Amino acid sequence: MSGAPVLLVGFAVTNQAVCAQLTERGHPVVATDDAADDRLRSHAAALGVDLRKRPAPDDWLALASDARAVIPTPGLPEHHPALGAAVAAGTPVVSEFDLAQRWDSRPMLAVTGTNGKTTVALLAAAMLEASGVAVGVAGNTETPLVEAIRDPQPAAFVVEASSFRLGHSQCFRPRVGAWLNFAPDHLDVHASLDSYRKAKAALWCRADEHTTAVVNRDDPVVVSHTPGKGRVVAYGLSEGDYHVSGGALWAGSEKLADVAELRRSQPHELSNQLAAAAVAMAAGAHLEGVRTALRAWTGLPHRMTLVAEHGGVHYYDDSKATTPHAVCAAVRSAKPAVLIAGGHNKGLDLGQLAEIADGVRSVVAIGEAASEVVRAFVGRCPATTAESMDEAVRLASERARIGDAVLLSPGCASFDWYGSYAERGDHFAHVVREMIGGSS
């Protein structure tokens, strides 16, 4: 990749890392960002690159035509003019995954899915580390893959693979690729549900005799895309190479752990743990390493995290649940629940929440999508709206009975009231603790 410049569309964390790697390797770069400010311009200048702010619509075709490749920032909407200009100019659109694999030959173990990616990626990494295999974790995390490969220590990389990156990858071929599940998501970025599905399916589209696909037998969409080449390892709650039987997790005929000794044992958590074991063992983890990591695993923040128990009511922070699919899984594991849901809708049909109405005692709707949340439960269970998290927690507590869960599981992004799902979850936990402290 030399000669003509590489066009970066967006200059956030990932493309800043891409830019640094390209310039170090002597490749010319043209960088753009729709919201370029002095901070971003200073960062670009330090790399010897000029940063252009929001090129005019007529300028994109010239920029794409002059470029050797276009690299979009993860999450760039598919309707962005830069992508249309690249198609019109015949300039390839590639991802940071393509570059990282071109520059580094160490095995990549990729995990994708609508929900559970971070959990499975980090747990698989812990299993490998406990087996004596040094790994790096990268991708849809704080560390882009192109940055992670700078570290010479890992023998392999566990890659959290978002649809944003997979959909633009042209040659990325992970040694192990796990697809966990599929449900509508990110329809504010992808042009359609079919486009989102195809982006996920790109994980396996270059499978060959050297690759292993880890397939969730419990998800029909995932199963329908099982690759015809390479090794296939299946997992599922009731059947598969990795499965749950007799109150234990199994890898074939080998017991991994009794469910009773696990700290996270909701059905979706067990599925994630099976997936992580399948990924890790396909990459060289041994049984004792897997067992050690499973017994030590406490889960991740903001994923069905118990905040407090007060007056017989359990308060859970599930702020990471930003799709209806994730909310349904949470309610099924915590019912009966008083559900706090809403936020910034990512173009999804929140009417799907109606399917778990029988597990919900009452709903408190918040944020921009509050009215959509209320509509999903009309005629099924009581629903009201709150104008703040403080009000939402108070209303939910008033409606909860002994044995219930007050569950923050929004089904939406956080960007109407908060800067991140973590900030939202932390505020919920703070309000709960303050309320409990004030009432004792």
Protein backbone atom coordinates (compact mmCIF):
# COMPACT_ATOMS: atom_id res chain seq x y z
CA MET A 1 0.00 0.00 0.00
CA SER A 2 2.16 2.87 -1.26
CA GLY A 3 2.13 5.71 -3.77
CA ALA A 4 -1.37 7.18 -3.70
CA PRO A 5 -2.63 8.26 -0.27
CA VAL A 6 -4.94 6.33 2.00
CA LEU A 7 -8.13 8.26 2.76
CA LEU A 8 -9.26 8.09 6.38
CA VAL A 9 -12.91 8.99 6.91
CA GLY A 10 -13.30 9.91 10.56
CA PHE A 11 -10.44 10.51 12.96
CA ALA A 12 -11.43 8.97 16.29
CA VAL A 13 -9.43 6.39 18.27
CA THR A 14 -9.28 3.65 15.64
CA ASN A 15 -8.35 5.81 12.67
CA GLN A 16 -5.84 7.72 14.78
CA ALA A 17 -4.11 4.37 15.40
CA VAL A 18 -4.41 3.50 11.70
CA CYS A 19 -2.91 6.85 10.76
CA ALA A 20 0.05 6.36 13.10
CA GLN A 21 0.79 2.93 11.68
CA LEU A 22 0.46 4.08 8.06
CA THR A 23 2.71 7.10 8.47
CA GLU A 24 5.33 5.07 10.33
CA ARG A 25 5.38 2.69 7.39
CA GLY A 26 5.85 5.55 4.94
CA HIS A 27 2.35 5.62 3.46
CA PRO A 28 0.83 9.02 2.62
CA VAL A 29 -2.46 9.76 4.37
CA VAL A 30 -5.35 12.13 3.80
CA ALA A 31 -7.55 12.42 6.90
CA THR A 32 -11.05 13.83 7.25
CA ASP A 33 -13.53 14.15 10.09
CA ASP A 34 -17.02 15.62 10.02
CA ALA A 35 -16.46 17.16 13.46
CA ALA A 36 -12.77 18.05 13.30
CA ASP A 37 -11.75 20.38 16.13
CA ASP A 38 -8.47 21.84 17.39
CA ARG A 39 -7.71 18.77 19.48
CA LEU A 40 -8.08 16.40 16.53
CA ARG A 41 -6.15 18.74 14.24
CA SER A 42 -3.29 18.87 16.75
CA HIS A 43 -3.21 15.08 16.94
CA ALA A 44 -3.14 14.81 13.15
CA ALA A 45 -0.44 17.46 12.88
CA ALA A 46 1.73 15.51 15.31
CA LEU A 47 1.57 12.63 12.84
CA GLY A 48 2.42 14.92 9.94
CA VAL A 49 -1.10 14.81 8.48
CA ASP A 50 -3.53 17.61 7.66
CA LEU A 51 -7.06 16.99 8.89
CA ARG A 52 -9.90 18.24 6.70
CA LYS A 53 -13.24 19.07 8.27
CA ARG A 54 -16.40 17.82 6.56
CA PRO A 55 -15.48 17.96 2.87
CA ALA A 56 -18.20 19.36 0.63
CA PRO A 57 -20.42 16.76 -1.07
CA ASP A 58 -18.80 17.44 -4.44
CA ASP A 59 -15.30 16.91 -3.01
CA TRP A 60 -15.72 13.30 -1.92
CA LEU A 61 -15.47 11.82 -5.41
CA ALA A 62 -12.17 13.59 -6.06
CA LEU A 63 -10.79 12.50 -2.68
CA ALA A 64 -11.83 8.88 -3.25
CA SER A 65 -10.54 8.87 -6.82
CA ASP A 66 -7.11 10.07 -5.69
CA ALA A 67 -6.90 7.48 -2.89
CA ARG A 68 -5.39 4.02 -2.94
CA ALA A 69 -7.92 2.86 -0.32
CA VAL A 70 -10.63 4.30 1.92
CA ILE A 71 -10.73 3.37 5.59
CA PRO A 72 -13.93 4.42 7.40
CA THR A 73 -14.08 5.00 11.12
CA PRO A 74 -16.04 2.20 12.83
CA GLY A 75 -19.68 3.20 13.02
CA LEU A 76 -19.65 5.42 9.92
CA PRO A 77 -23.23 5.28 8.56
CA GLU A 78 -23.53 3.34 5.31
CA HIS A 79 -25.23 6.35 3.72
CA HIS A 80 -22.18 8.57 4.33
CA PRO A 81 -21.14 10.23 1.04
CA ALA A 82 -17.55 8.99 1.37
CA LEU A 83 -18.66 5.39 0.94
CA GLY A 84 -20.75 6.18 -2.13
CA ALA A 85 -17.85 8.12 -3.59
CA ALA A 86 -15.51 5.15 -3.05
CA VAL A 87 -17.88 2.88 -4.95
CA ALA A 88 -18.22 5.40 -7.79
CA ALA A 89 -14.44 5.81 -8.00
CA GLY A 90 -13.74 2.09 -7.82
CA THR A 91 -11.55 2.62 -4.75
CA PRO A 92 -11.52 -0.27 -2.27
CA VAL A 93 -12.96 0.29 1.20
CA VAL A 94 -10.98 -1.66 3.79
CA SER A 95 -10.90 -2.03 7.56
CA GLU A 96 -8.27 -1.83 10.27
CA PHE A 97 -8.59 -5.63 10.50
CA ASP A 98 -7.32 -5.97 6.94
CA LEU A 99 -4.30 -3.81 7.69
CA ALA A 100 -3.50 -5.55 10.98
CA GLN A 101 -3.56 -8.99 9.44
CA ARG A 102 -1.46 -7.80 6.52
CA TRP A 103 1.15 -6.43 8.93
CA ASP A 104 1.12 -9.25 11.52
CA SER A 105 1.02 -13.02 11.04
CA ARG A 106 0.05 -14.05 14.58
CA PRO A 107 -3.28 -15.92 14.93
CA MET A 108 -6.44 -13.82 15.22
CA LEU A 109 -9.36 -15.27 17.21
CA ALA A 110 -12.44 -13.20 16.36
CA VAL A 111 -15.72 -13.02 18.26
CA THR A 112 -18.83 -11.37 16.84
CA GLY A 113 -22.52 -11.30 17.72
CA THR A 114 -25.20 -8.82 18.64
CA ASN A 115 -24.68 -9.48 22.33
CA GLY A 116 -21.95 -11.04 24.46
CA LYS A 117 -18.87 -10.16 22.38
CA THR A 118 -16.90 -8.50 25.14
CA THR A 119 -17.71 -11.19 27.69
CA VAL A 120 -16.69 -14.03 25.39
CA ALA A 121 -13.56 -12.28 24.14
CA LEU A 122 -12.28 -11.47 27.63
CA LEU A 123 -13.20 -14.86 29.09
CA ALA A 124 -11.55 -16.71 26.18
CA ALA A 125 -8.44 -14.59 26.73
CA ALA A 126 -8.47 -15.47 30.44
CA MET A 127 -8.72 -19.18 29.58
CA LEU A 128 -5.76 -18.94 27.23
CA GLU A 129 -3.70 -16.97 29.74
CA ALA A 130 -4.50 -19.58 32.41
CA SER A 131 -3.23 -22.18 29.92
CA GLY A 132 0.07 -20.36 29.52
CA VAL A 133 -0.72 -18.71 26.18
CA ALA A 134 0.03 -14.97 26.10
CA VAL A 135 -2.75 -13.11 24.27
CA GLY A 136 -3.78 -9.56 23.47
CA VAL A 137 -7.40 -8.40 23.40
CA ALA A 138 -8.33 -5.84 20.76
CA GLY A 139 -10.87 -4.68 18.20
CA ASN A 140 -14.11 -3.14 19.41
CA THR A 141 -12.42 -2.25 22.70
CA GLU A 142 -10.20 0.55 23.96
CA THR A 143 -7.37 -0.90 21.88
CA PRO A 144 -7.78 -1.14 18.09
CA LEU A 145 -6.21 -4.21 16.51
CA VAL A 146 -3.71 -2.12 14.55
CA GLU A 147 -2.48 -0.73 17.87
CA ALA A 148 -2.44 -4.09 19.65
CA ILE A 149 -0.09 -5.66 17.13
CA ARG A 150 2.65 -3.26 18.25
CA ASP A 151 3.09 -5.46 21.33
CA PRO A 152 5.54 -8.30 20.58
CA GLN A 153 4.52 -10.36 23.62
CA PRO A 154 1.16 -11.93 22.63
CA ALA A 155 1.25 -15.23 20.79
CA ALA A 156 -2.28 -14.55 19.51
CA PHE A 157 -4.99 -11.88 19.59
CA VAL A 158 -8.59 -12.26 20.73
CA VAL A 159 -10.49 -9.79 18.59
CA GLU A 160 -13.91 -8.37 19.46
CA ALA A 161 -15.24 -8.00 15.94
CA SER A 162 -18.03 -5.49 15.38
CA SER A 163 -20.18 -5.42 12.28
CA PHE A 164 -18.70 -1.98 11.55
CA ARG A 165 -15.27 -3.51 11.00
CA LEU A 166 -16.29 -6.86 9.54
CA GLY A 167 -18.57 -5.25 6.98
CA HIS A 168 -15.70 -3.31 5.43
CA SER A 169 -13.10 -6.10 5.64
CA GLN A 170 -11.84 -7.39 2.33
CA CYS A 171 -9.31 -10.04 3.36
CA PHE A 172 -9.60 -10.54 7.14
CA ARG A 173 -9.53 -14.28 7.90
CA PRO A 174 -9.42 -15.17 11.61
CA ARG A 175 -7.87 -18.47 12.62
CA VAL A 176 -10.89 -18.99 14.90
CA GLY A 177 -14.15 -17.14 14.31
CA ALA A 178 -17.11 -17.31 16.73
CA TRP A 179 -20.55 -15.92 15.89
CA LEU A 180 -22.61 -15.80 19.08
CA ASN A 181 -26.08 -14.62 18.07
CA PHE A 182 -28.01 -12.33 15.78
CA ALA A 183 -30.77 -9.80 16.48
CA PRO A 184 -31.60 -6.35 15.08
CA ASP A 185 -29.07 -3.70 16.06
CA HIS A 186 -27.23 -0.65 14.71
CA LEU A 187 -29.92 0.17 12.14
CA ASP A 188 -28.89 3.79 12.55
CA VAL A 189 -25.61 2.79 10.88
CA HIS A 190 -26.46 -0.13 8.60
CA ALA A 191 -28.76 0.52 5.68
CA SER A 192 -31.00 -2.44 6.56
CA LEU A 193 -31.24 -5.52 8.74
CA ASP A 194 -29.98 -7.55 5.79
CA SER A 195 -26.93 -5.32 5.51
CA TYR A 196 -26.23 -5.82 9.21
CA ARG A 197 -26.58 -9.61 8.81
CA LYS A 198 -24.19 -9.66 5.84
CA ALA A 199 -21.65 -7.67 7.84
CA LYS A 200 -21.75 -10.25 10.62
CA ALA A 201 -21.58 -13.13 8.13
CA ALA A 202 -18.37 -11.68 6.70
CA LEU A 203 -16.64 -13.30 9.70
CA TRP A 204 -16.74 -16.66 7.92
CA CYS A 205 -16.84 -15.69 4.26
CA ARG A 206 -13.15 -16.47 3.74
CA ALA A 207 -13.06 -19.68 5.79
CA ASP A 208 -10.64 -22.33 4.54
CA GLU A 209 -9.03 -25.56 5.70
CA HIS A 210 -6.96 -23.66 8.26
CA THR A 211 -9.86 -21.94 10.05
CA THR A 212 -12.28 -22.97 12.79
CA ALA A 213 -15.85 -21.64 13.00
CA VAL A 214 -17.49 -21.64 16.44
CA VAL A 215 -21.25 -21.84 15.84
CA ASN A 216 -24.11 -21.23 18.27
CA ARG A 217 -26.53 -24.10 17.68
CA ASP A 218 -29.28 -22.17 19.48
CA ASP A 219 -29.39 -19.33 16.94
CA PRO A 220 -30.96 -20.23 13.59
CA VAL A 221 -29.48 -17.25 11.75
CA VAL A 222 -25.98 -18.17 12.89
CA VAL A 223 -26.52 -21.85 11.99
CA SER A 224 -27.74 -20.90 8.51
CA HIS A 225 -24.39 -19.23 7.80
CA THR A 226 -22.20 -22.13 8.93
CA PRO A 227 -19.27 -22.17 6.51
CA GLY A 228 -18.77 -25.10 4.15
CA LYS A 229 -15.01 -25.05 4.57
CA GLY A 230 -12.75 -25.54 7.54
CA ARG A 231 -13.44 -27.02 10.95
CA VAL A 232 -16.79 -26.36 12.63
CA VAL A 233 -17.25 -26.49 16.40
CA ALA A 234 -20.81 -26.15 17.70
CA TYR A 235 -22.04 -25.11 21.13
CA GLY A 236 -25.48 -24.83 22.67
CA LEU A 237 -27.34 -25.02 25.96
CA SER A 238 -28.67 -28.50 25.21
CA GLU A 239 -26.58 -29.86 22.34
CA GLY A 240 -23.31 -29.32 20.54
CA ASP A 241 -19.65 -30.12 20.99
CA TYR A 242 -19.82 -27.76 23.99
CA HIS A 243 -23.08 -28.01 25.94
CA VAL A 244 -24.85 -28.05 29.31
CA SER A 245 -25.97 -31.39 30.70
CA GLY A 246 -26.67 -32.74 34.17
CA GLY A 247 -25.99 -29.38 35.79
CA ALA A 248 -22.54 -29.02 34.25
CA LEU A 249 -20.72 -27.50 31.27
CA TRP A 250 -19.11 -30.03 28.95
CA ALA A 251 -16.55 -30.07 26.16
CA GLY A 252 -17.44 -33.34 24.49
CA SER A 253 -17.07 -35.96 27.22
CA GLU A 254 -14.90 -33.71 29.41
CA LYS A 255 -16.59 -31.81 32.25
CA LEU A 256 -15.54 -28.16 32.38
CA ALA A 257 -17.39 -27.07 35.51
CA ASP A 258 -20.52 -27.65 37.54
CA VAL A 259 -23.03 -24.85 37.06
CA ALA A 260 -23.32 -24.58 40.85
CA GLU A 261 -19.68 -23.50 41.15
CA LEU A 262 -19.98 -20.72 38.55
CA ARG A 263 -20.52 -17.14 39.69
CA ARG A 264 -22.62 -16.29 36.63
CA SER A 265 -25.20 -18.91 35.70
CA GLN A 266 -28.06 -17.25 33.84
CA PRO A 267 -28.81 -19.07 30.54
CA HIS A 268 -27.19 -16.39 28.37
CA GLU A 269 -24.14 -16.39 30.65
CA LEU A 270 -23.79 -20.17 30.32
CA SER A 271 -24.00 -19.81 26.56
CA ASN A 272 -21.24 -17.20 26.62
CA GLN A 273 -19.06 -19.42 28.79
CA LEU A 274 -19.47 -22.34 26.39
CA ALA A 275 -18.55 -20.10 23.47
CA ALA A 276 -15.45 -18.81 25.25
CA ALA A 277 -14.34 -22.35 26.04
CA ALA A 278 -14.82 -23.38 22.41
CA VAL A 279 -12.77 -20.42 21.16
CA ALA A 280 -10.02 -20.87 23.70
CA MET A 281 -9.63 -24.62 23.21
CA ALA A 282 -9.62 -24.24 19.43
CA ALA A 283 -6.68 -21.89 19.94
CA GLY A 284 -4.71 -24.15 22.27
CA ALA A 285 -6.11 -23.69 25.77
CA HIS A 286 -6.05 -26.80 27.95
CA LEU A 287 -8.81 -28.14 30.16
CA GLU A 288 -7.33 -26.98 33.45
CA GLY A 289 -6.82 -23.47 32.11
CA VAL A 290 -10.45 -23.33 30.97
CA ARG A 291 -11.67 -24.67 34.30
CA THR A 292 -9.59 -22.18 36.28
CA ALA A 293 -10.90 -19.22 34.28
CA LEU A 294 -14.52 -20.38 34.50
CA ARG A 295 -14.41 -20.68 38.29
CA ALA A 296 -12.80 -17.26 38.63
CA TRP A 297 -15.08 -15.44 36.20
CA THR A 298 -17.26 -12.81 37.89
CA GLY A 299 -18.66 -11.16 34.79
CA LEU A 300 -18.26 -7.62 33.51
CA PRO A 301 -19.62 -4.32 34.84
CA HIS A 302 -23.04 -3.15 33.67
CA ARG A 303 -24.09 -6.66 32.58
CA MET A 304 -26.69 -7.93 35.04
CA THR A 305 -24.55 -6.57 37.87
CA LEU A 306 -26.19 -6.74 41.29
CA VAL A 307 -26.03 -3.23 42.75
CA ALA A 308 -27.89 -3.82 46.01
CA GLU A 309 -30.59 -5.78 47.80
CA HIS A 310 -33.03 -3.85 49.96
CA GLY A 311 -36.34 -4.83 51.45
CA GLY A 312 -36.39 -8.09 49.53
CA VAL A 313 -35.87 -6.32 46.18
CA HIS A 314 -32.73 -6.83 44.08
CA TYR A 315 -31.41 -3.92 41.99
CA TYR A 316 -29.53 -4.84 38.81
CA ASP A 317 -27.44 -2.67 36.47
CA ASP A 318 -27.72 -4.06 32.93
CA SER A 319 -26.92 -0.76 31.21
CA LYS A 320 -24.89 -2.56 28.52
CA ALA A 321 -28.17 -4.01 27.19
CA THR A 322 -28.71 -1.67 24.24
CA THR A 323 -30.97 -3.90 22.12
CA PRO A 324 -34.40 -5.45 22.76
CA HIS A 325 -32.74 -8.88 22.35
CA ALA A 326 -30.47 -8.18 25.33
CA VAL A 327 -33.35 -6.84 27.43
CA CYS A 328 -35.38 -9.99 26.81
CA ALA A 329 -32.49 -12.18 27.97
CA ALA A 330 -32.09 -10.07 31.11
CA VAL A 331 -35.78 -10.12 32.04
CA ARG A 332 -35.99 -13.88 31.54
CA SER A 333 -33.15 -14.35 34.02
CA ALA A 334 -34.46 -11.84 36.60
CA LYS A 335 -38.26 -12.01 36.48
CA PRO A 336 -40.46 -10.85 38.04
CA ALA A 337 -38.97 -7.47 37.25
CA VAL A 338 -39.77 -3.80 37.35
CA LEU A 339 -38.03 -2.71 34.17
CA ILE A 340 -36.36 0.65 33.57
CA ALA A 341 -35.90 0.96 29.79
CA GLY A 342 -35.37 3.59 27.12
CA GLY A 343 -32.74 6.00 25.86
CA HIS A 344 -31.57 6.76 22.35
CA ASN A 345 -33.09 4.25 19.92
CA LYS A 346 -30.60 2.92 17.35
CA GLY A 347 -33.31 2.49 14.72
CA LEU A 348 -34.66 -0.71 16.29
CA ASP A 349 -38.21 -1.97 16.78
CA LEU A 350 -38.77 -1.64 20.51
CA GLY A 351 -42.12 -3.36 20.06
CA GLN A 352 -40.18 -6.61 20.42
CA LEU A 353 -40.07 -5.92 24.16
CA ALA A 354 -43.70 -7.02 24.35
CA GLU A 355 -42.62 -10.66 24.23
CA ILE A 356 -41.32 -10.48 27.81
CA ALA A 357 -44.32 -8.59 29.23
CA ASP A 358 -45.38 -11.62 31.25
CA GLY A 359 -42.13 -11.37 33.21
CA VAL A 360 -42.49 -7.65 33.89
CA ARG A 361 -44.57 -6.32 36.77
CA SER A 362 -44.26 -2.70 35.66
CA VAL A 363 -42.21 -0.53 33.29
CA VAL A 364 -40.60 2.86 33.84
CA ALA A 365 -39.63 4.39 30.50
CA ILE A 366 -36.81 6.92 30.17
CA GLY A 367 -35.07 9.08 27.58
CA GLU A 368 -35.85 9.92 23.97
CA ALA A 369 -37.49 6.54 23.32
CA ALA A 370 -39.75 6.60 26.39
CA SER A 371 -42.96 6.77 24.36
CA GLU A 372 -41.85 3.83 22.19
CA VAL A 373 -41.15 1.75 25.28
CA VAL A 374 -44.56 2.58 26.75
CA ARG A 375 -46.29 1.61 23.48
CA ALA A 376 -44.62 -1.80 23.55
CA PHE A 377 -46.34 -2.63 26.85
CA VAL A 378 -49.75 -1.00 26.37
CA GLY A 379 -52.43 -3.49 27.41
CA ARG A 380 -49.81 -5.90 28.73
CA CYS A 381 -48.52 -4.34 31.95
CA PRO A 382 -48.47 -0.92 33.63
CA ALA A 383 -46.01 1.56 32.12
CA THR A 384 -45.12 5.13 33.01
CA THR A 385 -42.39 7.60 32.13
CA ALA A 386 -39.70 9.33 34.18
CA GLU A 387 -37.84 12.53 33.42
CA SER A 388 -34.63 11.58 35.25
CA MET A 389 -32.82 8.54 36.59
CA ASP A 390 -33.65 9.64 40.14
CA GLU A 391 -37.35 9.64 39.30
CA ALA A 392 -37.06 6.33 37.44
CA VAL A 393 -35.46 4.56 40.40
CA ARG A 394 -38.01 6.03 42.80
CA LEU A 395 -40.97 4.98 40.67
CA ALA A 396 -39.53 1.50 40.08
CA SER A 397 -38.93 1.01 43.80
CA GLU A 398 -42.49 2.03 44.63
CA ARG A 399 -43.82 -0.57 42.19
CA ALA A 400 -41.53 -3.44 43.21
CA ARG A 401 -42.64 -6.17 45.61
CA ILE A 402 -40.62 -8.53 47.77
CA GLY A 403 -38.84 -11.00 45.48
CA ASP A 404 -38.83 -8.65 42.48
CA ALA A 405 -35.86 -7.25 40.60
CA VAL A 406 -35.59 -3.57 39.71
CA LEU A 407 -33.76 -3.89 36.43
CA LEU A 408 -32.07 -1.14 34.45
CA SER A 409 -31.95 -2.82 31.03
CA PRO A 410 -32.51 0.03 28.57
CA GLY A 411 -32.63 -1.63 25.13
CA CYS A 412 -31.28 1.66 23.78
CA ALA A 413 -28.04 3.60 23.53
CA SER A 414 -27.21 6.10 26.26
CA PHE A 415 -26.40 9.17 24.20
CA ASP A 416 -29.51 11.19 25.01
CA TRP A 417 -28.80 11.56 28.74
CA TYR A 418 -25.29 10.16 29.12
CA GLY A 419 -21.92 9.91 27.42
CA SER A 420 -21.78 6.11 27.60
CA TYR A 421 -23.63 3.05 28.87
CA ALA A 422 -21.06 2.90 31.70
CA GLU A 423 -21.90 6.42 32.84
CA ARG A 424 -25.60 5.53 32.74
CA GLY A 425 -25.06 2.37 34.79
CA ASP A 426 -22.87 4.14 37.30
CA HIS A 427 -25.50 6.84 37.80
CA PHE A 428 -28.21 4.23 38.30
CA ALA A 429 -26.07 2.48 40.93
CA HIS A 430 -25.36 5.81 42.66
CA VAL A 431 -29.06 6.70 42.78
CA VAL A 432 -29.99 3.26 44.13
CA ARG A 433 -27.37 3.40 46.89
CA GLU A 434 -28.32 6.95 47.79
CA MET A 435 -32.00 5.97 48.00
CA ILE A 436 -31.28 2.94 50.15
CA GLY A 437 -28.95 4.90 52.41
CA GLY A 438 -31.51 7.64 52.79
CA SER A 439 -34.29 5.24 53.71
CA SER A 440 -32.47 3.14 56.27
